[in-house]
Protein backbone atom coordinates (compact mmCIF):
# COMPACT_ATOMS: atom_id res chain seq x y z
CA MET A 1 162.01 13.00 146.83
CA ALA A 2 158.45 13.68 145.88
CA PHE A 3 157.89 15.07 149.29
CA ALA A 4 160.81 17.41 148.82
CA LEU A 5 159.42 18.72 145.53
CA LEU A 6 155.99 19.38 146.96
CA ALA A 7 157.32 21.04 150.08
CA PRO A 8 157.36 24.59 148.64
CA LEU A 9 153.73 24.29 147.65
CA ARG A 10 152.58 23.80 151.18
CA LYS A 11 150.51 26.60 152.69
CA PRO A 12 152.14 28.59 155.38
CA PRO A 13 150.87 28.09 158.82
CA PRO A 14 147.87 30.15 159.84
CA SER A 15 149.95 32.18 162.19
CA SER A 16 152.04 33.56 159.30
CA LEU A 17 149.00 35.15 157.47
CA PRO A 18 147.99 38.71 158.35
CA LEU A 19 144.78 38.76 160.27
CA LEU A 20 142.02 41.24 159.32
CA ARG A 21 140.43 42.36 162.51
CA PRO A 22 137.02 44.00 162.40
CA SER A 23 136.98 47.68 163.18
CA SER A 24 135.34 48.74 166.36
CA SER A 25 133.18 51.33 164.42
CA PRO A 26 131.64 50.98 160.98
CA THR A 27 133.56 52.73 158.20
CA SER A 28 131.85 55.91 156.85
CA LEU A 29 131.75 56.52 153.10
CA SER A 30 132.75 60.08 153.67
CA SER A 31 136.02 58.96 155.20
CA ILE A 32 137.02 57.08 152.09
CA PRO A 33 139.34 59.26 149.99
CA PHE A 34 137.61 59.04 146.60
CA PRO A 35 139.43 60.88 143.79
CA LYS A 36 138.00 64.36 143.21
CA THR A 37 136.35 64.98 139.85
CA ARG A 38 135.79 68.43 138.28
CA ALA A 39 132.16 69.51 137.90
CA PRO A 40 131.15 69.84 134.24
CA ASP A 41 131.10 73.42 132.93
CA PRO A 42 127.50 74.35 132.09
CA LYS A 43 128.77 76.38 129.13
CA PRO A 44 131.33 74.43 127.11
CA ARG A 45 134.55 76.25 126.56
CA PHE A 46 134.44 75.82 122.78
CA SER A 47 131.11 77.70 122.56
CA ARG A 48 132.73 80.71 124.22
CA MET A 49 135.53 80.58 121.71
CA LEU A 50 133.16 80.43 118.74
CA LEU A 51 130.82 83.29 119.77
CA PRO A 52 132.09 86.88 119.78
CA PRO A 53 131.79 88.58 123.16
CA ASN A 54 129.29 91.30 122.02
CA VAL A 55 126.72 89.12 120.24
CA LEU A 56 123.15 89.90 121.43
CA SER A 57 120.88 87.06 122.32
CA LEU A 58 117.40 86.70 120.88
CA SER A 59 115.91 88.04 124.10
CA ASP A 60 118.18 91.10 123.90
CA LEU A 61 117.13 91.75 120.30
CA ALA A 62 113.46 91.36 121.20
CA GLY A 63 113.87 93.83 124.06
CA LEU A 64 115.66 96.30 121.78
CA GLN A 65 112.90 96.01 119.19
CA SER A 66 110.23 96.54 121.82
CA SER A 67 112.04 99.63 123.13
CA LEU A 68 112.32 101.07 119.62
CA VAL A 69 108.63 100.50 118.91
CA ASP A 70 107.69 102.14 122.21
CA LEU A 71 109.90 105.11 121.32
CA LEU A 72 108.29 105.50 117.89
CA ARG A 73 104.82 105.36 119.42
CA THR A 74 105.55 107.84 122.19
CA SER A 75 102.55 110.11 122.76
CA PRO A 76 102.70 113.02 123.18
CA PRO A 77 105.82 113.20 120.99
CA THR A 78 109.22 113.90 122.49
CA TRP A 79 112.39 115.13 120.80
CA GLU A 80 113.77 111.57 120.95
CA SER A 81 110.71 110.05 119.30
CA ALA A 82 110.64 112.83 116.70
CA ILE A 83 114.25 112.17 115.71
CA ALA A 84 113.73 108.38 115.66
CA ASN A 85 110.62 108.59 113.48
CA ASN A 86 112.31 110.99 111.09
CA LEU A 87 115.32 108.70 110.73
CA VAL A 88 113.09 105.74 109.85
CA ILE A 89 110.90 107.72 107.43
CA PHE A 90 113.81 109.48 105.74
CA LEU A 91 115.60 106.16 105.18
CA LEU A 92 112.50 104.55 103.70
CA GLY A 93 111.61 107.61 101.62
CA SER A 94 115.12 108.47 100.45
CA PRO A 95 114.35 107.89 96.71
CA ILE A 96 111.56 110.49 96.84
CA LEU A 97 113.67 112.92 98.87
CA VAL A 98 116.61 112.65 96.47
CA ALA A 99 114.31 113.37 93.52
CA GLY A 100 112.96 116.58 95.05
CA LEU A 101 115.78 117.95 97.22
CA SER A 102 119.50 118.60 97.06
CA PRO A 103 121.69 116.99 99.77
CA SER A 104 121.71 120.19 101.82
CA GLY A 105 117.99 120.49 101.21
CA ILE A 106 117.48 117.01 102.68
CA GLY A 107 119.37 118.12 105.80
CA ALA A 108 117.12 121.16 106.17
CA ALA A 109 114.05 119.00 105.57
CA PHE A 110 115.16 116.61 108.33
CA LEU A 111 115.30 119.47 110.82
CA LEU A 112 111.89 120.64 109.62
CA GLY A 113 110.44 117.14 109.95
CA THR A 114 111.82 116.69 113.46
CA LEU A 115 110.37 120.01 114.58
CA THR A 116 107.01 119.24 112.96
CA TRP A 117 106.76 115.78 114.58
CA ARG A 118 107.68 117.17 117.98
CA ALA A 119 104.98 119.86 117.74
CA PHE A 120 102.11 118.16 115.92
CA GLY A 121 102.92 114.46 115.85
CA SER A 122 102.44 112.12 112.93
CA SER A 123 99.42 114.01 111.55
CA GLY A 124 101.39 117.23 111.16
CA PHE A 125 104.27 115.32 109.59
CA LEU A 126 101.95 113.64 107.09
CA LEU A 127 100.52 117.02 106.11
CA VAL A 128 104.02 118.30 105.31
CA ALA A 129 104.77 115.07 103.43
CA ALA A 130 101.62 115.54 101.32
CA TYR A 131 102.70 119.11 100.57
CA PHE A 132 106.19 117.95 99.55
CA ILE A 133 104.95 115.18 97.25
CA ALA A 134 102.37 117.39 95.52
CA GLY A 135 104.78 120.31 95.18
CA THR A 136 107.56 118.10 93.80
CA ALA A 137 105.17 116.54 91.26
CA ALA A 138 104.08 119.98 90.05
CA THR A 139 107.69 121.17 89.83
CA LYS A 140 108.75 118.13 87.77
CA LEU A 141 105.83 118.53 85.37
CA LYS A 142 107.14 119.29 81.86
CA ILE A 143 110.53 120.08 83.37
CA LYS A 144 112.30 119.90 79.98
CA GLN A 145 109.94 122.46 78.50
CA LYS A 146 110.46 124.76 81.48
CA GLU A 147 114.22 124.39 81.21
CA ALA A 148 114.09 125.27 77.51
CA LEU A 149 112.12 128.42 78.35
CA GLY A 150 114.51 129.27 81.20
CA VAL A 151 111.76 129.26 83.85
CA ALA A 152 112.48 125.94 85.58
CA GLU A 153 113.74 125.60 89.13
CA LYS A 154 117.49 125.21 89.45
CA ARG A 155 119.11 121.75 89.76
CA SER A 156 116.36 120.17 87.62
CA GLY A 157 113.73 121.08 90.17
CA ARG A 158 115.65 119.83 93.20
CA ARG A 159 115.18 122.45 95.90
CA GLY A 160 117.91 123.53 98.26
CA PRO A 161 117.90 124.61 101.92
CA GLY A 162 116.89 128.18 101.06
CA SER A 163 113.74 126.95 99.37
CA VAL A 164 112.98 124.56 102.23
CA ILE A 165 113.34 127.32 104.81
CA GLY A 166 111.41 129.79 102.66
CA SER A 167 108.57 127.31 102.34
CA SER A 168 108.43 126.35 106.01
CA ALA A 169 109.43 129.40 108.05
CA ALA A 170 105.88 130.29 109.15
CA GLY A 171 105.08 126.64 109.88
CA CYS A 172 108.24 126.34 111.99
CA VAL A 173 107.28 129.42 114.00
CA CYS A 174 103.83 127.95 114.66
CA ALA A 175 105.47 124.66 115.68
CA LEU A 176 107.77 126.38 118.18
CA LEU A 177 104.88 128.40 119.62
CA SER A 178 102.97 125.14 120.09
CA ILE A 179 105.90 123.24 121.63
CA TYR A 180 106.55 125.89 124.26
CA GLY A 181 102.87 126.46 124.96
CA ILE A 182 102.85 130.16 124.13
CA GLY A 183 99.41 131.51 124.97
CA GLY A 184 98.37 128.37 126.82
CA ALA A 185 95.86 125.75 125.78
CA SER A 186 93.49 128.33 124.30
CA PHE A 187 96.07 129.29 121.66
CA SER A 188 97.26 125.79 120.75
CA GLY A 189 94.48 125.40 118.18
CA LEU A 190 95.42 128.73 116.59
CA TRP A 191 99.07 127.68 116.17
CA ARG A 192 97.89 124.44 114.54
CA LEU A 193 95.59 126.41 112.22
CA GLY A 194 98.42 128.79 111.27
CA PHE A 195 100.64 125.78 110.58
CA VAL A 196 98.13 124.22 108.16
CA ALA A 197 97.36 127.57 106.50
CA SER A 198 101.05 128.24 105.81
CA TYR A 199 101.43 124.99 103.86
CA CYS A 200 98.12 125.47 102.02
CA THR A 201 99.42 128.89 100.97
CA LYS A 202 102.78 127.56 99.80
CA LEU A 203 101.34 124.61 97.91
CA SER A 204 98.83 126.87 96.18
CA ASP A 205 101.65 129.22 95.19
CA THR A 206 103.91 126.40 93.93
CA VAL A 207 101.21 124.63 91.94
CA SER A 208 99.80 127.82 90.39
CA SER A 209 103.29 128.90 89.32
CA GLU A 210 104.38 125.51 87.95
CA ILE A 211 101.11 124.77 86.17
CA GLY A 212 101.11 128.28 84.71
CA LYS A 213 104.63 127.71 83.36
CA ALA A 214 103.68 124.33 81.90
CA TYR A 215 100.14 124.89 80.60
CA GLY A 216 99.33 128.60 80.84
CA LYS A 217 98.22 129.85 77.42
CA THR A 218 98.28 133.52 78.38
CA THR A 219 99.90 135.09 81.41
CA TYR A 220 99.06 138.56 82.70
CA LEU A 221 100.93 140.90 84.98
CA VAL A 222 98.72 141.21 88.04
CA THR A 223 99.18 144.99 88.42
CA THR A 224 98.40 146.03 84.83
CA LEU A 225 96.88 142.90 83.25
CA LYS A 226 99.43 143.30 80.49
CA VAL A 227 100.33 140.09 78.65
CA VAL A 228 103.82 138.97 79.67
CA PRO A 229 105.96 135.86 79.06
CA ARG A 230 105.57 132.77 81.26
CA GLY A 231 107.62 132.85 84.40
CA THR A 232 107.54 136.63 84.78
CA GLU A 233 107.51 137.68 88.41
CA GLY A 234 104.01 138.75 89.40
CA ALA A 235 102.37 137.11 86.37
CA ILE A 236 99.23 135.00 86.67
CA SER A 237 97.29 132.70 84.35
CA VAL A 238 93.80 131.25 84.43
CA GLU A 239 95.15 127.68 84.37
CA GLY A 240 97.63 128.33 87.16
CA THR A 241 95.13 130.17 89.35
CA ILE A 242 92.56 127.37 89.14
CA ALA A 243 95.23 124.73 89.80
CA GLY A 244 96.50 126.66 92.81
CA LEU A 245 92.99 126.94 94.26
CA LEU A 246 92.41 123.20 93.84
CA ALA A 247 95.79 122.42 95.43
CA SER A 248 94.89 124.54 98.46
CA ILE A 249 91.53 122.78 98.78
CA LEU A 250 93.26 119.41 98.50
CA LEU A 251 95.80 120.09 101.26
CA ALA A 252 93.17 121.66 103.53
CA SER A 253 91.10 118.50 103.06
CA VAL A 254 94.12 116.39 104.01
CA GLY A 255 94.48 118.52 107.15
CA TYR A 256 90.81 117.94 107.95
CA PHE A 257 91.01 114.16 107.54
CA LEU A 258 94.18 114.06 109.64
CA GLY A 259 92.37 115.93 112.42
CA GLU A 260 94.52 119.05 112.21
CA VAL A 261 91.60 121.39 111.40
CA ASP A 262 87.83 121.24 111.29
CA VAL A 263 85.66 122.06 108.26
CA LEU A 264 85.41 125.77 109.03
CA GLN A 265 89.13 126.05 109.65
CA ALA A 266 89.85 124.21 106.39
CA ALA A 267 87.75 126.78 104.54
CA ILE A 268 89.63 129.57 106.33
CA CYS A 269 92.94 128.04 105.20
CA VAL A 270 91.80 128.03 101.57
CA LEU A 271 90.57 131.63 101.67
CA ALA A 272 93.67 132.90 103.47
CA SER A 273 95.95 131.13 101.00
CA GLN A 274 94.30 132.79 98.00
CA ILE A 275 94.51 136.26 99.52
CA ALA A 276 98.16 135.69 100.43
CA ASN A 277 99.02 134.44 96.95
CA PHE A 278 97.43 137.49 95.37
CA GLY A 279 99.52 139.66 97.70
CA GLU A 280 102.63 137.72 96.73
CA SER A 281 101.92 138.36 93.05
CA LEU A 282 101.58 142.08 93.79
CA ILE A 283 104.95 142.09 95.58
CA GLY A 284 106.57 140.22 92.69
CA ALA A 285 105.16 142.57 90.06
CA ALA A 286 105.79 145.83 91.91
CA LEU A 287 109.08 145.23 93.71
CA GLN A 288 110.89 142.01 92.83
CA GLU A 289 113.84 142.40 90.44
CA LYS A 290 113.44 146.19 90.54
CA ASP A 291 116.23 148.63 91.30
CA GLY A 292 116.71 148.93 95.04
CA TYR A 293 115.00 145.60 95.72
CA LYS A 294 117.57 143.13 94.42
CA TRP A 295 117.71 141.65 97.91
CA LEU A 296 114.07 140.60 97.57
CA ASN A 297 114.65 137.11 96.17
CA ASN A 298 112.17 134.26 95.74
CA ASP A 299 112.95 132.66 99.10
CA LEU A 300 112.27 135.89 101.00
CA VAL A 301 109.07 136.49 99.03
CA ASN A 302 108.00 132.96 99.94
CA VAL A 303 108.53 133.72 103.63
CA ILE A 304 106.38 136.83 103.30
CA ASN A 305 103.72 134.92 101.39
CA ILE A 306 103.29 132.04 103.83
CA SER A 307 103.48 134.40 106.80
CA ILE A 308 100.60 136.42 105.38
CA GLY A 309 98.57 133.24 104.85
CA SER A 310 99.25 131.99 108.36
CA ILE A 311 98.51 135.30 110.08
CA LEU A 312 95.35 135.85 108.04
CA ALA A 313 94.02 132.40 108.99
CA VAL A 314 94.59 133.07 112.71
CA LEU A 315 92.91 136.49 112.50
CA MET A 316 89.95 135.08 110.56
CA GLN A 317 89.48 132.37 113.17
CA GLN A 318 89.48 134.96 115.93
CA LEU A 319 86.89 137.06 114.09
CA VAL A 320 84.67 134.02 113.65
CA LEU A 321 84.94 133.20 117.37
CA LEU A 322 83.99 136.77 118.29
CA ARG A 323 80.85 136.57 116.18
CA LEU A 324 79.74 133.27 117.72
């Protein structure tokens, strides 16, 4: 009975087990069908989902910054660099621009600044900036008193596009002549001199007029020396005349230190500006606001004034060169 119970536990005979026969050739690992695994994605999918598609990398930003700096430093200036520099400067200096110019005046000043930078680079632009700051300061001086007397500039001294153009027309012409190389290299210095002289003339005119309105004790009509009220067209005062002369010397000195003119040319700018301003006073006294000359407004007189100053400076330089 015990034998019968243990019978199922007996091992089967060797012949009933499957025999593992050695292969005739060794098995290659490459023939074994391992399960294929997906290579890891070098950029995780979640990072793509979190970052917007147009985000610039740090290297892209650094390259953009480098390109912008190179554009701003372009020498000689190009139209692109002139526009870029003006955009940067106008954004940074917007509080000063708003104080001295109307919105349309700022637009005209931007065109003027772009043209100036293209023709004469940063030094020419800084000269115009010095003119603007000094002229605005003189215009704002005792503005309430001037408004009470009825002799202040309109819009609380904020100048519009007509005033900007009237103050810069001669300088813009000189800039265009320089850009397009009219007269060749021998004339480039003359266009630069005319440019500086035009702004010396205008600053002298602005400062003499505004200081005369604010501090002039006695004002005289230039044609008859008759005492007239402050702000009369063609009137001059001792205080205003001295202030205008000093303003012209100041801006000519700025032009010298910026390398726009030499010492002799700076002196020529001062002399030409004073002659031009005297001529402008004569025009104002004899013609402005007279019957038949109503079209001769301040902006047009300014164009005539700065044109005289610019042309006189160029002619004086030529006379000096002939004598040397």
